[in-house]
Amino acid sequence: NGAALAISGTANRGVQFGRVVRNETDGSWTDSGRFSNGGGGVFDNVGSLTIRAGIPAGTSLFFGDNFINSGSLTISSPSIGNFSSGFSNQGTVEVTAGTLDLRGFNATGGTDTGSYQIAEGATLRLNGGNRTMTASASISGQGTVVVGGGTASLAGPYDVGGTRFENLAGNGILNLNGPATTESLTMNSGTLG
């Protein structure tokens, strides 16, 4: 409806039974409350959303059903933003500070067609589930990609400051089928394909 979305406070919140929360403007998400969907609920970002939430270690910022980004999503948090369920990116995701931890899979069986941009000192962690990124998708920036579990396949360009494999949720697999550059590579486990 054009109203600005503001999520704040420490309480948990969410939607269920096929309901949709849609951000169409400039939205913000602050403080430590979590978002949980159930029964087919969807968080749909078609506008611009900045997450500055400080979630305690080991807990999820978002869990249950699907988070879909077809707009602009910025993660600017001193902590780890865990998404423990379906997450699909058809827009732009920027990690400017902290860690974006994708523990789930592509939402609703879809694929990522958008870009992930990781600033220096920030981290994108692919940590479980299966993630398929098409030739129009990309991962770039001076930050670090951590492969901690699951299988991620990228057909588009990959150009990052660092790539690290860690056994966080089983041995992770990163398939790079497009042009790929990383300034450093650390493999304690996993497979680079």
C-alpha atoms as a PDB file:
ATOM      1  CA  ASN A   1       0.000   0.000   0.000  1.00  0.00           C
ATOM      2  CA  GLY A   2       3.036   2.316  -0.202  1.00  0.00           C
ATOM      3  CA  ALA A   3       3.534   2.690   3.561  1.00  0.00           C
ATOM      4  CA  ALA A   4       7.104   2.360   4.862  1.00  0.00           C
ATOM      5  CA  LEU A   5       7.857  -0.971   6.531  1.00  0.00           C
ATOM      6  CA  ALA A   6       9.596  -0.781   9.926  1.00  0.00           C
ATOM      7  CA  ILE A   7      10.375  -3.950  11.870  1.00  0.00           C
ATOM      8  CA  SER A   8      11.827  -3.342  15.319  1.00  0.00           C
ATOM      9  CA  GLY A   9      11.789  -4.608  18.884  1.00  0.00           C
ATOM     10  CA  THR A  10      12.697  -7.908  20.496  1.00  0.00           C
ATOM     11  CA  ALA A  11       9.430  -9.807  19.945  1.00  0.00           C
ATOM     12  CA  ASN A  12       9.165 -12.560  17.355  1.00  0.00           C
ATOM     13  CA  ARG A  13       6.692 -12.026  14.538  1.00  0.00           C
ATOM     14  CA  GLY A  14       5.564 -13.732  11.334  1.00  0.00           C
ATOM     15  CA  VAL A  15       2.765 -14.622   8.952  1.00  0.00           C
ATOM     16  CA  GLN A  16       0.966 -17.915   8.337  1.00  0.00           C
ATOM     17  CA  PHE A  17      -1.566 -19.675   6.146  1.00  0.00           C
ATOM     18  CA  GLY A  18      -0.424 -18.291   2.797  1.00  0.00           C
ATOM     19  CA  ARG A  19      -0.374 -14.671   3.910  1.00  0.00           C
ATOM     20  CA  VAL A  20       2.222 -12.309   2.409  1.00  0.00           C
ATOM     21  CA  VAL A  21       4.185  -9.417   3.921  1.00  0.00           C
ATOM     22  CA  ARG A  22       5.276  -7.254   0.987  1.00  0.00           C
ATOM     23  CA  ASN A  23       7.706  -4.376   1.271  1.00  0.00           C
ATOM     24  CA  GLU A  24       7.233  -2.025  -1.692  1.00  0.00           C
ATOM     25  CA  THR A  25       9.103   1.066  -0.423  1.00  0.00           C
ATOM     26  CA  ASP A  26      12.103   1.809   1.814  1.00  0.00           C
ATOM     27  CA  GLY A  27      11.943  -0.584   4.743  1.00  0.00           C
ATOM     28  CA  SER A  28      14.080  -1.154   7.820  1.00  0.00           C
ATOM     29  CA  TRP A  29      14.579  -4.078  10.181  1.00  0.00           C
ATOM     30  CA  THR A  30      16.356  -3.325  13.459  1.00  0.00           C
ATOM     31  CA  ASP A  31      16.820  -4.788  16.950  1.00  0.00           C
ATOM     32  CA  SER A  32      16.774  -8.488  17.804  1.00  0.00           C
ATOM     33  CA  GLY A  33      13.289  -9.774  17.011  1.00  0.00           C
ATOM     34  CA  ARG A  34      12.998 -12.736  14.653  1.00  0.00           C
ATOM     35  CA  PHE A  35      10.586 -13.323  11.775  1.00  0.00           C
ATOM     36  CA  SER A  36       8.943 -16.733  11.429  1.00  0.00           C
ATOM     37  CA  ASN A  37       6.529 -17.807   8.723  1.00  0.00           C
ATOM     38  CA  GLY A  38       4.409 -20.935   8.719  1.00  0.00           C
ATOM     39  CA  GLY A  39       1.799 -22.627   6.580  1.00  0.00           C
ATOM     40  CA  GLY A  40       2.944 -21.070   3.306  1.00  0.00           C
ATOM     41  CA  GLY A  41       3.654 -17.549   4.590  1.00  0.00           C
ATOM     42  CA  VAL A  42       5.898 -15.329   2.438  1.00  0.00           C
ATOM     43  CA  PHE A  43       8.037 -12.254   3.096  1.00  0.00           C
ATOM     44  CA  ASP A  44       8.289 -10.529  -0.290  1.00  0.00           C
ATOM     45  CA  ASN A  45      10.707  -7.621  -0.717  1.00  0.00           C
ATOM     46  CA  VAL A  46      10.086  -5.748  -3.962  1.00  0.00           C
ATOM     47  CA  GLY A  47      11.297  -2.398  -2.609  1.00  0.00           C
ATOM     48  CA  SER A  48      14.415  -1.538  -0.634  1.00  0.00           C
ATOM     49  CA  LEU A  49      14.992  -3.224   2.740  1.00  0.00           C
ATOM     50  CA  THR A  50      17.921  -2.637   5.090  1.00  0.00           C
ATOM     51  CA  ILE A  51      18.504  -5.126   7.897  1.00  0.00           C
ATOM     52  CA  ARG A  52      20.524  -3.888  10.865  1.00  0.00           C
ATOM     53  CA  ALA A  53      19.218  -6.455  13.325  1.00  0.00           C
ATOM     54  CA  GLY A  54      21.496  -7.744  16.054  1.00  0.00           C
ATOM     55  CA  ILE A  55      20.516 -11.387  16.470  1.00  0.00           C
ATOM     56  CA  PRO A  56      22.213 -13.485  19.185  1.00  0.00           C
ATOM     57  CA  ALA A  57      24.658 -16.091  17.888  1.00  0.00           C
ATOM     58  CA  GLY A  58      23.109 -19.431  16.991  1.00  0.00           C
ATOM     59  CA  THR A  59      19.603 -18.093  16.353  1.00  0.00           C
ATOM     60  CA  SER A  60      17.869 -17.347  13.077  1.00  0.00           C
ATOM     61  CA  LEU A  61      16.829 -13.915  11.882  1.00  0.00           C
ATOM     62  CA  PHE A  62      14.298 -15.515   9.533  1.00  0.00           C
ATOM     63  CA  PHE A  63      12.955 -19.058   9.550  1.00  0.00           C
ATOM     64  CA  GLY A  64       9.969 -20.897   8.180  1.00  0.00           C
ATOM     65  CA  ASP A  65       8.649 -20.903   4.611  1.00  0.00           C
ATOM     66  CA  ASN A  66       9.910 -18.266   2.153  1.00  0.00           C
ATOM     67  CA  PHE A  67      11.760 -14.969   1.869  1.00  0.00           C
ATOM     68  CA  ILE A  68      11.825 -13.605  -1.696  1.00  0.00           C
ATOM     69  CA  ASN A  69      13.896 -10.605  -2.722  1.00  0.00           C
ATOM     70  CA  SER A  70      13.202  -9.042  -6.095  1.00  0.00           C
ATOM     71  CA  GLY A  71      14.156  -5.554  -4.943  1.00  0.00           C
ATOM     72  CA  SER A  72      17.196  -4.365  -3.011  1.00  0.00           C
ATOM     73  CA  LEU A  73      18.201  -6.050   0.248  1.00  0.00           C
ATOM     74  CA  THR A  74      21.072  -4.677   2.342  1.00  0.00           C
ATOM     75  CA  ILE A  75      22.553  -6.579   5.288  1.00  0.00           C
ATOM     76  CA  SER A  76      24.400  -4.146   7.549  1.00  0.00           C
ATOM     77  CA  SER A  77      24.646  -5.897  10.895  1.00  0.00           C
ATOM     78  CA  PRO A  78      27.481  -6.500  13.342  1.00  0.00           C
ATOM     79  CA  SER A  79      26.236 -10.060  13.820  1.00  0.00           C
ATOM     80  CA  ILE A  80      25.180 -13.007  11.666  1.00  0.00           C
ATOM     81  CA  GLY A  81      21.897 -12.732   9.762  1.00  0.00           C
ATOM     82  CA  ASN A  82      20.726 -16.350   9.522  1.00  0.00           C
ATOM     83  CA  PHE A  83      18.028 -17.270   7.018  1.00  0.00           C
ATOM     84  CA  SER A  84      17.100 -20.851   7.900  1.00  0.00           C
ATOM     85  CA  SER A  85      14.503 -21.529   5.252  1.00  0.00           C
ATOM     86  CA  GLY A  86      13.660 -20.718   1.657  1.00  0.00           C
ATOM     87  CA  PHE A  87      15.486 -17.636   0.356  1.00  0.00           C
ATOM     88  CA  SER A  88      15.454 -16.546  -3.287  1.00  0.00           C
ATOM     89  CA  ASN A  89      17.142 -13.518  -4.812  1.00  0.00           C
ATOM     90  CA  GLN A  90      15.898 -12.063  -8.084  1.00  0.00           C
ATOM     91  CA  GLY A  91      17.134  -8.554  -7.240  1.00  0.00           C
ATOM     92  CA  THR A  92      20.239  -7.223  -5.498  1.00  0.00           C
ATOM     93  CA  VAL A  93      21.611  -8.365  -2.153  1.00  0.00           C
ATOM     94  CA  GLU A  94      24.392  -6.280  -0.611  1.00  0.00           C
ATOM     95  CA  VAL A  95      26.255  -7.439   2.480  1.00  0.00           C
ATOM     96  CA  THR A  96      27.957  -4.282   3.725  1.00  0.00           C
ATOM     97  CA  ALA A  97      28.811  -5.516   7.244  1.00  0.00           C
ATOM     98  CA  GLY A  98      28.566  -8.748   9.203  1.00  0.00           C
ATOM     99  CA  THR A  99      27.477 -12.079   7.731  1.00  0.00           C
ATOM    100  CA  LEU A 100      24.519 -13.177   5.642  1.00  0.00           C
ATOM    101  CA  ASP A 101      24.108 -16.889   6.430  1.00  0.00           C
ATOM    102  CA  LEU A 102      21.866 -18.732   3.954  1.00  0.00           C
ATOM    103  CA  ARG A 103      21.123 -22.032   5.668  1.00  0.00           C
ATOM    104  CA  GLY A 104      18.195 -22.946   3.491  1.00  0.00           C
ATOM    105  CA  PHE A 105      17.398 -23.494  -0.142  1.00  0.00           C
ATOM    106  CA  ASN A 106      15.894 -21.537  -3.017  1.00  0.00           C
ATOM    107  CA  ALA A 107      12.382 -20.482  -2.055  1.00  0.00           C
ATOM    108  CA  THR A 108       9.492 -22.326  -3.689  1.00  0.00           C
ATOM    109  CA  GLY A 109      11.862 -24.463  -5.731  1.00  0.00           C
ATOM    110  CA  GLY A 110      13.021 -21.466  -7.739  1.00  0.00           C
ATOM    111  CA  THR A 111      16.444 -20.181  -8.706  1.00  0.00           C
ATOM    112  CA  ASP A 112      18.493 -17.068  -7.971  1.00  0.00           C
ATOM    113  CA  THR A 113      18.721 -14.702 -10.915  1.00  0.00           C
ATOM    114  CA  GLY A 114      19.996 -11.655  -8.999  1.00  0.00           C
ATOM    115  CA  SER A 115      23.329 -10.437  -7.677  1.00  0.00           C
ATOM    116  CA  TYR A 116      25.120 -10.809  -4.354  1.00  0.00           C
ATOM    117  CA  GLN A 117      27.620  -8.049  -3.559  1.00  0.00           C
ATOM    118  CA  ILE A 118      29.910  -8.541  -0.558  1.00  0.00           C
ATOM    119  CA  ALA A 119      31.867  -5.605   0.861  1.00  0.00           C
ATOM    120  CA  GLU A 120      35.385  -5.954   2.242  1.00  0.00           C
ATOM    121  CA  GLY A 121      35.196  -7.409   5.746  1.00  0.00           C
ATOM    122  CA  ALA A 122      31.701  -8.841   5.162  1.00  0.00           C
ATOM    123  CA  THR A 123      30.739 -12.482   4.528  1.00  0.00           C
ATOM    124  CA  LEU A 124      28.211 -14.443   2.493  1.00  0.00           C
ATOM    125  CA  ARG A 125      27.864 -17.916   4.003  1.00  0.00           C
ATOM    126  CA  LEU A 126      26.278 -20.691   1.915  1.00  0.00           C
ATOM    127  CA  ASN A 127      25.480 -23.120   4.669  1.00  0.00           C
ATOM    128  CA  GLY A 128      23.034 -25.833   3.697  1.00  0.00           C
ATOM    129  CA  GLY A 129      20.332 -26.826   1.265  1.00  0.00           C
ATOM    130  CA  ASN A 130      20.597 -26.550  -2.502  1.00  0.00           C
ATOM    131  CA  ARG A 131      21.033 -23.149  -4.158  1.00  0.00           C
ATOM    132  CA  THR A 132      20.855 -22.729  -7.937  1.00  0.00           C
ATOM    133  CA  MET A 133      22.029 -19.441  -9.458  1.00  0.00           C
ATOM    134  CA  THR A 134      21.476 -18.838 -13.173  1.00  0.00           C
ATOM    135  CA  ALA A 135      23.793 -17.192 -15.719  1.00  0.00           C
ATOM    136  CA  SER A 136      22.245 -13.792 -14.918  1.00  0.00           C
ATOM    137  CA  ALA A 137      23.151 -14.207 -11.234  1.00  0.00           C
ATOM    138  CA  SER A 138      26.506 -13.146  -9.806  1.00  0.00           C
ATOM    139  CA  ILE A 139      28.574 -13.059  -6.625  1.00  0.00           C
ATOM    140  CA  SER A 140      31.128 -10.270  -6.386  1.00  0.00           C
ATOM    141  CA  GLY A 141      32.993  -7.908  -4.064  1.00  0.00           C
ATOM    142  CA  GLN A 142      36.067  -7.780  -1.830  1.00  0.00           C
ATOM    143  CA  GLY A 143      34.372  -9.800   0.919  1.00  0.00           C
ATOM    144  CA  THR A 144      34.476 -13.529   1.619  1.00  0.00           C
ATOM    145  CA  VAL A 145      32.231 -16.422   0.591  1.00  0.00           C
ATOM    146  CA  VAL A 146      32.144 -19.289   3.096  1.00  0.00           C
ATOM    147  CA  VAL A 147      30.846 -22.651   1.874  1.00  0.00           C
ATOM    148  CA  GLY A 148      29.709 -24.477   4.987  1.00  0.00           C
ATOM    149  CA  GLY A 149      27.349 -27.147   3.697  1.00  0.00           C
ATOM    150  CA  GLY A 150      24.836 -27.996   0.997  1.00  0.00           C
ATOM    151  CA  THR A 151      25.341 -27.471  -2.719  1.00  0.00           C
ATOM    152  CA  ALA A 152      25.538 -24.092  -4.445  1.00  0.00           C
ATOM    153  CA  SER A 153      25.765 -23.886  -8.228  1.00  0.00           C
ATOM    154  CA  LEU A 154      26.473 -20.598 -10.000  1.00  0.00           C
ATOM    155  CA  ALA A 155      26.331 -20.251 -13.787  1.00  0.00           C
ATOM    156  CA  GLY A 156      27.140 -16.522 -13.734  1.00  0.00           C
ATOM    157  CA  PRO A 157      30.310 -14.607 -12.774  1.00  0.00           C
ATOM    158  CA  TYR A 158      32.085 -15.125  -9.451  1.00  0.00           C
ATOM    159  CA  ASP A 159      34.685 -12.524  -8.416  1.00  0.00           C
ATOM    160  CA  VAL A 160      35.382 -12.193  -4.677  1.00  0.00           C
ATOM    161  CA  GLY A 161      38.132 -11.361  -2.230  1.00  0.00           C
ATOM    162  CA  GLY A 162      38.171 -14.775  -0.580  1.00  0.00           C
ATOM    163  CA  THR A 163      36.578 -18.222  -0.666  1.00  0.00           C
ATOM    164  CA  ARG A 164      36.683 -20.524   2.340  1.00  0.00           C
ATOM    165  CA  PHE A 165      35.290 -24.037   2.814  1.00  0.00           C
ATOM    166  CA  GLU A 166      34.318 -25.040   6.366  1.00  0.00           C
ATOM    167  CA  ASN A 167      32.487 -28.091   7.649  1.00  0.00           C
ATOM    168  CA  LEU A 168      29.590 -26.245   9.325  1.00  0.00           C
ATOM    169  CA  ALA A 169      26.637 -28.289   8.059  1.00  0.00           C
ATOM    170  CA  GLY A 170      28.408 -31.138   6.294  1.00  0.00           C
ATOM    171  CA  ASN A 171      30.852 -30.934   3.421  1.00  0.00           C
ATOM    172  CA  GLY A 172      29.749 -28.123   1.144  1.00  0.00           C
ATOM    173  CA  ILE A 173      29.927 -28.099  -2.641  1.00  0.00           C
ATOM    174  CA  LEU A 174      30.443 -24.979  -4.751  1.00  0.00           C
ATOM    175  CA  ASN A 175      30.019 -25.469  -8.497  1.00  0.00           C
ATOM    176  CA  LEU A 176      31.289 -22.505 -10.517  1.00  0.00           C
ATOM    177  CA  ASN A 177      30.175 -22.836 -14.127  1.00  0.00           C
ATOM    178  CA  GLY A 178      30.892 -19.262 -15.231  1.00  0.00           C
ATOM    179  CA  PRO A 179      33.990 -17.038 -15.079  1.00  0.00           C
ATOM    180  CA  ALA A 180      35.487 -17.288 -11.583  1.00  0.00           C
ATOM    181  CA  THR A 181      38.134 -15.358  -9.659  1.00  0.00           C
ATOM    182  CA  THR A 182      38.995 -15.436  -5.968  1.00  0.00           C
ATOM    183  CA  GLU A 183      41.954 -13.676  -4.394  1.00  0.00           C
ATOM    184  CA  SER A 184      42.359 -16.411  -1.758  1.00  0.00           C
ATOM    185  CA  LEU A 185      41.118 -19.967  -1.356  1.00  0.00           C
ATOM    186  CA  THR A 186      41.052 -22.012   1.868  1.00  0.00           C
ATOM    187  CA  MET A 187      39.737 -25.578   1.797  1.00  0.00           C
ATOM    188  CA  ASN A 188      39.436 -27.446   5.093  1.00  0.00           C
ATOM    189  CA  SER A 189      36.670 -29.613   3.628  1.00  0.00           C
ATOM    190  CA  GLY A 190      34.177 -29.624   0.788  1.00  0.00           C
ATOM    191  CA  THR A 191      34.357 -29.654  -3.008  1.00  0.00           C
ATOM    192  CA  LEU A 192      35.021 -26.957  -5.566  1.00  0.00           C
ATOM    193  CA  GLY A 193      33.554 -27.924  -8.917  1.00  0.00           C
END
